[in-house]
Amino acid sequence: MITKATLEDVSNLNKLINSAYRGESSKKGWTTEANLLEGLRTTEQELNETIQNPKNTILKFTQNNQIIGCVLLVEKEHQLYLGMLTVSPELQNSGIGKKLLQQAEIHASALGLPKIVMTVISVREELIEWYKRNGYADTGEREPFPVSDVHIPISEEPLEFIVLEKKIA
C-alpha cells in the first residue's frame, strides 16, 4: 500500500533509506552507493524538515505494517522533482520501485505538473538504464555532486549528477 509519510514515519524512513544506499546492508541490493560514498544518505532531522515543507511529499510503500519503500516528491515551479527512491535491499527487483514511480506520475498529474525530473550519479549506469526503461530520458544537463559531512566520496571517479526527465501525459 502506498500512502503519504508522516512525522511518525521519520525514524523508520531514515533506517530504510540509509540501509538501501550506504553501508554493508545496501550491498544486498543493486542500487547501493556504498562503493562510491561513505556517511549517511539522510538524517532524521533532514527527513523531519522535508516532511514539514508543504511543497514536499514522501510516499511510503508499506507491507505488513513495515515501510519497505519510499520516494521523495518535491513540487517545483513547472515540474515535480523525484528523489530518494528507495526499496529495501532484500526486496529490490520485485516491482516496488516501479509502483512508486507510477504513483509519482499520478501525483505530478494531480498537481498539473507536465514533467518529473531527477538527478542520478553519473557512474550509476545500471540505475540510469533502469530509469530509461521506465520512460525517463537524459536531458544532457549535468550538475556538480555536492560534497559534505553527509556525502563523502570514496571513489576515484569524479562524481556528477545526470539530470533525467519524464514528460507526463
N, C-alpha and C. Protein backbone atom coordinates (compact mmCIF):
# COMPACT_ATOMS: atom_id res chain seq x y z
N MET A 1 0.84 -1.18 0.00
CA MET A 1 0.00 0.00 0.00
C MET A 1 0.89 1.25 0.00
N ILE A 2 0.58 2.21 -0.86
CA ILE A 2 1.35 3.44 -0.95
C ILE A 2 0.52 4.57 -0.36
N THR A 3 1.09 5.23 0.66
CA THR A 3 0.43 6.36 1.31
C THR A 3 1.47 7.44 1.61
N LYS A 4 0.99 8.59 2.02
CA LYS A 4 1.86 9.71 2.35
C LYS A 4 2.50 9.48 3.73
N ALA A 5 3.81 9.67 3.81
CA ALA A 5 4.53 9.52 5.07
C ALA A 5 4.24 10.71 5.98
N THR A 6 4.31 10.44 7.28
CA THR A 6 4.09 11.48 8.29
C THR A 6 5.31 11.55 9.20
N LEU A 7 5.31 12.50 10.12
CA LEU A 7 6.43 12.64 11.05
C LEU A 7 6.63 11.38 11.88
N GLU A 8 5.57 10.63 12.12
CA GLU A 8 5.70 9.38 12.88
C GLU A 8 6.54 8.34 12.13
N ASP A 9 6.70 8.51 10.82
CA ASP A 9 7.44 7.56 9.99
C ASP A 9 8.93 7.87 9.89
N VAL A 10 9.36 9.02 10.40
CA VAL A 10 10.72 9.50 10.15
C VAL A 10 11.80 8.50 10.57
N SER A 11 11.70 7.94 11.75
CA SER A 11 12.73 7.02 12.21
C SER A 11 12.83 5.79 11.30
N ASN A 12 11.69 5.21 10.92
CA ASN A 12 11.70 4.04 10.03
C ASN A 12 12.17 4.41 8.62
N LEU A 13 11.78 5.58 8.13
CA LEU A 13 12.25 6.03 6.81
C LEU A 13 13.77 6.21 6.83
N ASN A 14 14.28 6.82 7.88
CA ASN A 14 15.71 7.06 8.00
C ASN A 14 16.49 5.74 7.95
N LYS A 15 16.03 4.75 8.71
CA LYS A 15 16.70 3.44 8.70
C LYS A 15 16.64 2.80 7.32
N LEU A 16 15.47 2.84 6.69
CA LEU A 16 15.31 2.24 5.36
C LEU A 16 16.22 2.89 4.33
N ILE A 17 16.17 4.22 4.25
CA ILE A 17 16.94 4.95 3.23
C ILE A 17 18.43 4.71 3.41
N ASN A 18 18.92 4.84 4.64
CA ASN A 18 20.36 4.63 4.86
C ASN A 18 20.76 3.19 4.61
N SER A 19 19.88 2.22 4.94
CA SER A 19 20.22 0.81 4.71
C SER A 19 20.27 0.47 3.22
N ALA A 20 19.52 1.20 2.41
CA ALA A 20 19.46 0.89 0.98
C ALA A 20 20.56 1.58 0.18
N TYR A 21 21.09 2.68 0.69
CA TYR A 21 22.08 3.44 -0.07
C TYR A 21 23.52 3.25 0.39
N ARG A 22 23.72 3.09 1.69
CA ARG A 22 25.09 3.09 2.22
C ARG A 22 25.33 1.92 3.14
N GLY A 23 26.59 1.58 3.30
CA GLY A 23 26.96 0.54 4.26
C GLY A 23 26.77 -0.87 3.73
N GLU A 24 27.12 -1.83 4.57
CA GLU A 24 27.08 -3.25 4.18
C GLU A 24 25.68 -3.72 3.78
N SER A 25 24.66 -3.29 4.52
CA SER A 25 23.31 -3.77 4.22
C SER A 25 22.88 -3.40 2.80
N SER A 26 23.36 -2.25 2.31
CA SER A 26 22.95 -1.80 0.98
C SER A 26 23.50 -2.70 -0.12
N LYS A 27 24.55 -3.43 0.16
CA LYS A 27 25.18 -4.28 -0.86
C LYS A 27 24.33 -5.50 -1.21
N LYS A 28 23.27 -5.75 -0.43
CA LYS A 28 22.33 -6.83 -0.76
C LYS A 28 21.47 -6.46 -1.97
N GLY A 29 21.36 -5.18 -2.25
CA GLY A 29 20.57 -4.70 -3.38
C GLY A 29 21.47 -4.22 -4.50
N TRP A 30 20.86 -3.88 -5.63
CA TRP A 30 21.67 -3.44 -6.77
C TRP A 30 21.75 -1.93 -6.89
N THR A 31 21.11 -1.19 -5.98
CA THR A 31 21.13 0.27 -6.08
C THR A 31 22.06 0.92 -5.07
N THR A 32 22.94 0.16 -4.45
CA THR A 32 23.83 0.69 -3.43
C THR A 32 24.76 1.79 -3.96
N GLU A 33 25.12 2.71 -3.05
CA GLU A 33 26.14 3.71 -3.33
C GLU A 33 27.37 3.46 -2.47
N ALA A 34 27.40 2.31 -1.78
CA ALA A 34 28.46 2.03 -0.80
C ALA A 34 29.85 2.02 -1.41
N ASN A 35 29.95 1.70 -2.70
CA ASN A 35 31.27 1.70 -3.35
C ASN A 35 31.68 3.10 -3.80
N LEU A 36 30.76 4.08 -3.70
CA LEU A 36 31.03 5.45 -4.13
C LEU A 36 31.13 6.44 -2.98
N LEU A 37 30.30 6.20 -1.95
CA LEU A 37 30.15 7.19 -0.89
C LEU A 37 30.11 6.57 0.49
N GLU A 38 30.64 7.30 1.46
CA GLU A 38 30.52 6.94 2.86
C GLU A 38 29.60 7.94 3.52
N GLY A 39 29.33 7.73 4.79
CA GLY A 39 28.47 8.65 5.52
C GLY A 39 27.01 8.24 5.36
N LEU A 40 26.14 9.08 5.83
CA LEU A 40 24.72 8.79 5.77
C LEU A 40 24.11 9.35 4.49
N ARG A 41 23.04 8.72 4.02
CA ARG A 41 22.29 9.25 2.87
C ARG A 41 21.36 10.36 3.31
N THR A 42 20.83 10.23 4.54
CA THR A 42 19.94 11.24 5.09
C THR A 42 20.00 11.16 6.61
N THR A 43 19.31 12.08 7.27
CA THR A 43 19.24 12.08 8.73
C THR A 43 17.79 12.28 9.15
N GLU A 44 17.49 11.95 10.40
CA GLU A 44 16.13 12.17 10.89
C GLU A 44 15.77 13.65 10.85
N GLN A 45 16.74 14.51 11.16
CA GLN A 45 16.47 15.95 11.11
C GLN A 45 16.10 16.39 9.69
N GLU A 46 16.86 15.92 8.69
CA GLU A 46 16.57 16.27 7.30
C GLU A 46 15.18 15.76 6.89
N LEU A 47 14.85 14.55 7.30
CA LEU A 47 13.54 13.99 6.95
C LEU A 47 12.41 14.74 7.64
N ASN A 48 12.60 15.12 8.90
CA ASN A 48 11.59 15.93 9.60
C ASN A 48 11.33 17.23 8.86
N GLU A 49 12.43 17.92 8.48
CA GLU A 49 12.29 19.20 7.76
C GLU A 49 11.62 18.98 6.41
N THR A 50 11.97 17.90 5.75
CA THR A 50 11.40 17.59 4.44
C THR A 50 9.90 17.40 4.54
N ILE A 51 9.47 16.60 5.49
CA ILE A 51 8.04 16.29 5.63
C ILE A 51 7.25 17.55 6.03
N GLN A 52 7.87 18.43 6.81
CA GLN A 52 7.17 19.62 7.27
C GLN A 52 7.01 20.68 6.18
N ASN A 53 7.78 20.58 5.10
CA ASN A 53 7.67 21.55 3.99
C ASN A 53 6.46 21.17 3.13
N PRO A 54 5.49 22.08 2.97
CA PRO A 54 4.27 21.73 2.22
C PRO A 54 4.50 21.45 0.73
N LYS A 55 5.65 21.82 0.19
CA LYS A 55 5.96 21.53 -1.22
C LYS A 55 6.47 20.10 -1.41
N ASN A 56 6.74 19.43 -0.30
CA ASN A 56 7.32 18.08 -0.34
C ASN A 56 6.30 17.02 0.05
N THR A 57 6.42 15.87 -0.58
CA THR A 57 5.65 14.70 -0.21
C THR A 57 6.60 13.51 -0.22
N ILE A 58 6.58 12.74 0.85
CA ILE A 58 7.29 11.45 0.83
C ILE A 58 6.20 10.39 0.81
N LEU A 59 6.22 9.58 -0.24
CA LEU A 59 5.30 8.45 -0.33
C LEU A 59 6.00 7.23 0.26
N LYS A 60 5.27 6.46 1.03
CA LYS A 60 5.84 5.25 1.62
C LYS A 60 5.08 4.04 1.10
N PHE A 61 5.80 2.96 0.87
CA PHE A 61 5.23 1.68 0.45
C PHE A 61 5.28 0.79 1.67
N THR A 62 4.11 0.43 2.16
CA THR A 62 4.02 -0.35 3.39
C THR A 62 3.48 -1.75 3.09
N GLN A 63 4.09 -2.73 3.74
CA GLN A 63 3.64 -4.12 3.63
C GLN A 63 3.78 -4.74 5.02
N ASN A 64 2.72 -5.38 5.49
CA ASN A 64 2.74 -5.97 6.84
C ASN A 64 3.17 -4.96 7.91
N ASN A 65 2.62 -3.74 7.81
CA ASN A 65 2.92 -2.65 8.75
C ASN A 65 4.39 -2.25 8.79
N GLN A 66 5.12 -2.54 7.72
CA GLN A 66 6.54 -2.18 7.66
C GLN A 66 6.77 -1.35 6.40
N ILE A 67 7.53 -0.25 6.53
CA ILE A 67 7.86 0.57 5.37
C ILE A 67 9.00 -0.13 4.62
N ILE A 68 8.72 -0.52 3.37
CA ILE A 68 9.74 -1.25 2.59
C ILE A 68 10.17 -0.47 1.35
N GLY A 69 9.56 0.71 1.13
CA GLY A 69 9.94 1.56 0.02
C GLY A 69 9.45 2.97 0.25
N CYS A 70 10.10 3.93 -0.43
CA CYS A 70 9.64 5.31 -0.33
C CYS A 70 10.21 6.11 -1.50
N VAL A 71 9.64 7.30 -1.68
CA VAL A 71 10.14 8.23 -2.69
C VAL A 71 9.81 9.64 -2.24
N LEU A 72 10.74 10.55 -2.47
CA LEU A 72 10.55 11.96 -2.17
C LEU A 72 10.08 12.67 -3.43
N LEU A 73 9.00 13.45 -3.30
CA LEU A 73 8.47 14.24 -4.42
C LEU A 73 8.45 15.70 -3.99
N VAL A 74 9.07 16.57 -4.79
CA VAL A 74 9.17 17.99 -4.46
C VAL A 74 8.50 18.79 -5.57
N GLU A 75 7.49 19.55 -5.20
CA GLU A 75 6.77 20.40 -6.14
C GLU A 75 7.63 21.62 -6.44
N LYS A 76 8.05 21.75 -7.70
CA LYS A 76 8.82 22.93 -8.12
C LYS A 76 7.97 23.69 -9.12
N GLU A 77 8.48 24.77 -9.66
CA GLU A 77 7.66 25.67 -10.49
C GLU A 77 6.84 24.95 -11.56
N HIS A 78 7.49 24.29 -12.49
CA HIS A 78 6.77 23.66 -13.61
C HIS A 78 7.07 22.18 -13.71
N GLN A 79 7.50 21.59 -12.60
CA GLN A 79 7.88 20.19 -12.64
C GLN A 79 7.87 19.60 -11.23
N LEU A 80 7.89 18.28 -11.19
CA LEU A 80 7.99 17.55 -9.93
C LEU A 80 9.38 16.96 -9.86
N TYR A 81 10.10 17.23 -8.78
CA TYR A 81 11.41 16.64 -8.59
C TYR A 81 11.23 15.34 -7.82
N LEU A 82 11.87 14.27 -8.30
CA LEU A 82 11.79 12.96 -7.67
C LEU A 82 13.17 12.63 -7.11
N GLY A 83 13.21 12.23 -5.84
CA GLY A 83 14.48 11.88 -5.23
C GLY A 83 14.31 10.76 -4.22
N MET A 84 15.41 10.24 -3.77
CA MET A 84 15.46 9.22 -2.72
C MET A 84 14.52 8.05 -2.96
N LEU A 85 14.39 7.64 -4.21
CA LEU A 85 13.60 6.44 -4.48
C LEU A 85 14.33 5.28 -3.79
N THR A 86 13.63 4.63 -2.89
CA THR A 86 14.26 3.62 -2.03
C THR A 86 13.39 2.38 -1.95
N VAL A 87 14.04 1.23 -2.08
CA VAL A 87 13.38 -0.05 -1.83
C VAL A 87 14.34 -0.84 -0.94
N SER A 88 13.79 -1.50 0.06
CA SER A 88 14.59 -2.32 0.95
C SER A 88 15.50 -3.23 0.12
N PRO A 89 16.80 -3.29 0.43
CA PRO A 89 17.74 -4.06 -0.40
C PRO A 89 17.31 -5.50 -0.67
N GLU A 90 16.69 -6.16 0.30
CA GLU A 90 16.28 -7.55 0.12
C GLU A 90 15.10 -7.69 -0.85
N LEU A 91 14.39 -6.60 -1.10
CA LEU A 91 13.18 -6.65 -1.91
C LEU A 91 13.33 -5.96 -3.27
N GLN A 92 14.54 -5.53 -3.59
CA GLN A 92 14.75 -4.88 -4.89
C GLN A 92 14.53 -5.89 -6.02
N ASN A 93 14.12 -5.39 -7.16
CA ASN A 93 13.76 -6.21 -8.33
C ASN A 93 12.44 -6.94 -8.13
N SER A 94 11.55 -6.40 -7.29
CA SER A 94 10.26 -7.04 -7.09
C SER A 94 9.10 -6.16 -7.57
N GLY A 95 9.40 -5.04 -8.23
CA GLY A 95 8.35 -4.18 -8.77
C GLY A 95 7.93 -3.03 -7.88
N ILE A 96 8.47 -2.95 -6.67
CA ILE A 96 8.09 -1.88 -5.74
C ILE A 96 8.54 -0.51 -6.27
N GLY A 97 9.76 -0.43 -6.77
CA GLY A 97 10.27 0.84 -7.31
C GLY A 97 9.41 1.34 -8.46
N LYS A 98 9.03 0.43 -9.33
CA LYS A 98 8.18 0.79 -10.47
C LYS A 98 6.82 1.32 -10.00
N LYS A 99 6.25 0.68 -8.96
CA LYS A 99 4.97 1.15 -8.41
C LYS A 99 5.10 2.54 -7.81
N LEU A 100 6.23 2.81 -7.15
CA LEU A 100 6.46 4.15 -6.59
C LEU A 100 6.62 5.18 -7.71
N LEU A 101 7.29 4.81 -8.80
CA LEU A 101 7.41 5.72 -9.96
C LEU A 101 6.03 6.03 -10.54
N GLN A 102 5.20 5.02 -10.66
CA GLN A 102 3.85 5.21 -11.21
C GLN A 102 3.04 6.14 -10.30
N GLN A 103 3.17 5.98 -8.99
CA GLN A 103 2.46 6.85 -8.05
C GLN A 103 2.98 8.28 -8.14
N ALA A 104 4.26 8.44 -8.41
CA ALA A 104 4.84 9.78 -8.59
C ALA A 104 4.21 10.46 -9.81
N GLU A 105 3.99 9.70 -10.87
CA GLU A 105 3.34 10.26 -12.07
C GLU A 105 1.91 10.70 -11.77
N ILE A 106 1.19 9.90 -10.98
CA ILE A 106 -0.17 10.26 -10.58
C ILE A 106 -0.13 11.55 -9.76
N HIS A 107 0.83 11.66 -8.88
CA HIS A 107 0.99 12.85 -8.04
C HIS A 107 1.27 14.09 -8.91
N ALA A 108 2.19 13.94 -9.88
CA ALA A 108 2.51 15.06 -10.78
C ALA A 108 1.28 15.50 -11.55
N SER A 109 0.53 14.54 -12.08
CA SER A 109 -0.69 14.85 -12.83
C SER A 109 -1.70 15.58 -11.96
N ALA A 110 -1.85 15.12 -10.72
CA ALA A 110 -2.81 15.74 -9.80
C ALA A 110 -2.43 17.19 -9.51
N LEU A 111 -1.14 17.49 -9.53
CA LEU A 111 -0.67 18.85 -9.30
C LEU A 111 -0.64 19.67 -10.59
N GLY A 112 -0.96 19.03 -11.73
CA GLY A 112 -0.92 19.73 -13.01
C GLY A 112 0.48 20.01 -13.51
N LEU A 113 1.45 19.21 -13.07
CA LEU A 113 2.84 19.40 -13.49
C LEU A 113 3.14 18.50 -14.69
N PRO A 114 3.74 19.08 -15.76
CA PRO A 114 3.91 18.33 -17.01
C PRO A 114 5.08 17.36 -17.06
N LYS A 115 5.99 17.43 -16.07
CA LYS A 115 7.13 16.51 -16.14
C LYS A 115 7.69 16.25 -14.75
N ILE A 116 8.42 15.14 -14.67
CA ILE A 116 9.15 14.76 -13.47
C ILE A 116 10.64 14.81 -13.82
N VAL A 117 11.43 15.39 -12.94
CA VAL A 117 12.88 15.43 -13.14
C VAL A 117 13.56 14.79 -11.94
N MET A 118 14.76 14.30 -12.17
CA MET A 118 15.56 13.72 -11.09
C MET A 118 17.02 13.83 -11.46
N THR A 119 17.88 13.64 -10.46
CA THR A 119 19.31 13.58 -10.71
C THR A 119 19.81 12.22 -10.23
N VAL A 120 20.72 11.65 -11.01
CA VAL A 120 21.31 10.35 -10.69
C VAL A 120 22.82 10.50 -10.85
N ILE A 121 23.58 9.92 -9.92
CA ILE A 121 25.04 9.97 -10.03
C ILE A 121 25.47 9.32 -11.34
N SER A 122 26.28 10.04 -12.10
CA SER A 122 26.64 9.66 -13.47
C SER A 122 27.22 8.26 -13.60
N VAL A 123 27.96 7.78 -12.62
CA VAL A 123 28.60 6.46 -12.75
C VAL A 123 27.65 5.31 -12.43
N ARG A 124 26.42 5.62 -12.07
CA ARG A 124 25.46 4.56 -11.72
C ARG A 124 24.69 4.14 -12.98
N GLU A 125 25.43 3.58 -13.93
CA GLU A 125 24.88 3.28 -15.26
C GLU A 125 23.70 2.31 -15.22
N GLU A 126 23.75 1.30 -14.38
CA GLU A 126 22.68 0.31 -14.30
C GLU A 126 21.37 0.98 -13.83
N LEU A 127 21.49 1.90 -12.87
CA LEU A 127 20.33 2.61 -12.37
C LEU A 127 19.78 3.57 -13.43
N ILE A 128 20.66 4.27 -14.11
CA ILE A 128 20.24 5.18 -15.18
C ILE A 128 19.50 4.40 -16.27
N GLU A 129 20.00 3.23 -16.63
CA GLU A 129 19.32 2.40 -17.64
C GLU A 129 17.94 1.96 -17.15
N TRP A 130 17.81 1.66 -15.86
CA TRP A 130 16.51 1.27 -15.30
C TRP A 130 15.52 2.42 -15.44
N TYR A 131 15.97 3.63 -15.11
CA TYR A 131 15.08 4.79 -15.26
C TYR A 131 14.70 5.00 -16.73
N LYS A 132 15.65 4.81 -17.62
CA LYS A 132 15.35 4.97 -19.06
C LYS A 132 14.30 3.94 -19.51
N ARG A 133 14.42 2.71 -19.02
CA ARG A 133 13.41 1.69 -19.34
C ARG A 133 12.04 2.06 -18.80
N ASN A 134 12.02 2.92 -17.80
CA ASN A 134 10.76 3.37 -17.21
C ASN A 134 10.33 4.75 -17.74
N GLY A 135 10.87 5.14 -18.90
CA GLY A 135 10.39 6.32 -19.60
C GLY A 135 11.14 7.61 -19.35
N TYR A 136 12.21 7.58 -18.58
CA TYR A 136 12.99 8.79 -18.31
C TYR A 136 14.06 8.95 -19.39
N ALA A 137 14.38 10.20 -19.70
CA ALA A 137 15.38 10.49 -20.73
C ALA A 137 16.46 11.41 -20.15
N ASP A 138 17.68 11.23 -20.63
CA ASP A 138 18.80 12.08 -20.24
C ASP A 138 18.59 13.44 -20.91
N THR A 139 18.54 14.50 -20.10
CA THR A 139 18.32 15.84 -20.66
C THR A 139 19.60 16.43 -21.23
N GLY A 140 20.75 15.82 -20.93
CA GLY A 140 22.04 16.38 -21.33
C GLY A 140 22.59 17.33 -20.27
N GLU A 141 21.75 17.73 -19.32
CA GLU A 141 22.21 18.61 -18.24
C GLU A 141 23.01 17.81 -17.23
N ARG A 142 24.02 18.48 -16.65
CA ARG A 142 24.83 17.88 -15.60
C ARG A 142 24.92 18.88 -14.45
N GLU A 143 24.98 18.34 -13.23
CA GLU A 143 25.11 19.17 -12.05
C GLU A 143 26.26 18.64 -11.22
N PRO A 144 27.01 19.53 -10.54
CA PRO A 144 28.10 19.05 -9.69
C PRO A 144 27.56 18.24 -8.52
N PHE A 145 28.34 17.26 -8.09
CA PHE A 145 27.95 16.46 -6.94
C PHE A 145 28.36 17.20 -5.68
N PRO A 146 27.42 17.38 -4.73
CA PRO A 146 27.76 18.12 -3.51
C PRO A 146 28.52 17.23 -2.52
N VAL A 147 29.65 17.72 -2.06
CA VAL A 147 30.41 17.01 -1.05
C VAL A 147 30.12 17.68 0.28
N SER A 148 29.82 16.88 1.30
CA SER A 148 29.51 17.44 2.62
C SER A 148 29.85 16.41 3.68
N ASP A 149 29.51 16.72 4.92
CA ASP A 149 29.72 15.76 6.01
C ASP A 149 28.88 14.52 5.81
N VAL A 150 27.79 14.65 5.04
CA VAL A 150 26.88 13.53 4.82
C VAL A 150 27.34 12.72 3.61
N HIS A 151 27.68 13.40 2.52
CA HIS A 151 28.07 12.73 1.26
C HIS A 151 29.59 12.78 1.14
N ILE A 152 30.26 11.68 1.45
CA ILE A 152 31.72 11.63 1.46
C ILE A 152 32.19 10.67 0.36
N PRO A 153 32.66 11.22 -0.79
CA PRO A 153 33.10 10.35 -1.89
C PRO A 153 34.30 9.50 -1.48
N ILE A 154 34.26 8.22 -1.87
CA ILE A 154 35.40 7.33 -1.65
C ILE A 154 35.87 6.73 -2.97
N SER A 155 35.24 7.14 -4.05
CA SER A 155 35.58 6.63 -5.38
C SER A 155 36.63 7.54 -6.00
N GLU A 156 37.48 6.95 -6.82
CA GLU A 156 38.48 7.75 -7.55
C GLU A 156 37.82 8.50 -8.71
N GLU A 157 36.68 7.96 -9.16
CA GLU A 157 36.00 8.59 -10.28
C GLU A 157 35.35 9.90 -9.84
N PRO A 158 35.47 10.96 -10.67
CA PRO A 158 34.78 12.20 -10.32
C PRO A 158 33.26 11.96 -10.43
N LEU A 159 32.53 12.48 -9.46
CA LEU A 159 31.09 12.27 -9.43
C LEU A 159 30.35 13.53 -9.88
N GLU A 160 29.33 13.33 -10.69
CA GLU A 160 28.42 14.42 -11.06
C GLU A 160 27.04 13.82 -11.23
N PHE A 161 26.05 14.70 -11.26
CA PHE A 161 24.68 14.25 -11.46
C PHE A 161 24.29 14.38 -12.92
N ILE A 162 23.58 13.39 -13.42
CA ILE A 162 22.91 13.44 -14.72
C ILE A 162 21.47 13.81 -14.42
N VAL A 163 20.91 14.74 -15.18
CA VAL A 163 19.51 15.13 -15.00
C VAL A 163 18.65 14.33 -15.97
N LEU A 164 17.70 13.58 -15.41
CA LEU A 164 16.77 12.79 -16.21
C LEU A 164 15.38 13.41 -16.07
N GLU A 165 14.55 13.24 -17.11
CA GLU A 165 13.17 13.73 -17.01
C GLU A 165 12.21 12.83 -17.75
N LYS A 166 10.97 12.91 -17.31
CA LYS A 166 9.90 12.18 -18.00
C LYS A 166 8.72 13.13 -18.13
N LYS A 167 8.24 13.26 -19.35
CA LYS A 167 7.06 14.09 -19.57
C LYS A 167 5.81 13.29 -19.20
N ILE A 168 4.88 13.94 -18.53
CA ILE A 168 3.67 13.29 -18.07
C ILE A 168 2.54 13.64 -19.03
N ALA A 169 1.82 12.62 -19.48
CA ALA A 169 0.74 12.84 -20.47
C ALA A 169 -0.40 13.63 -19.85
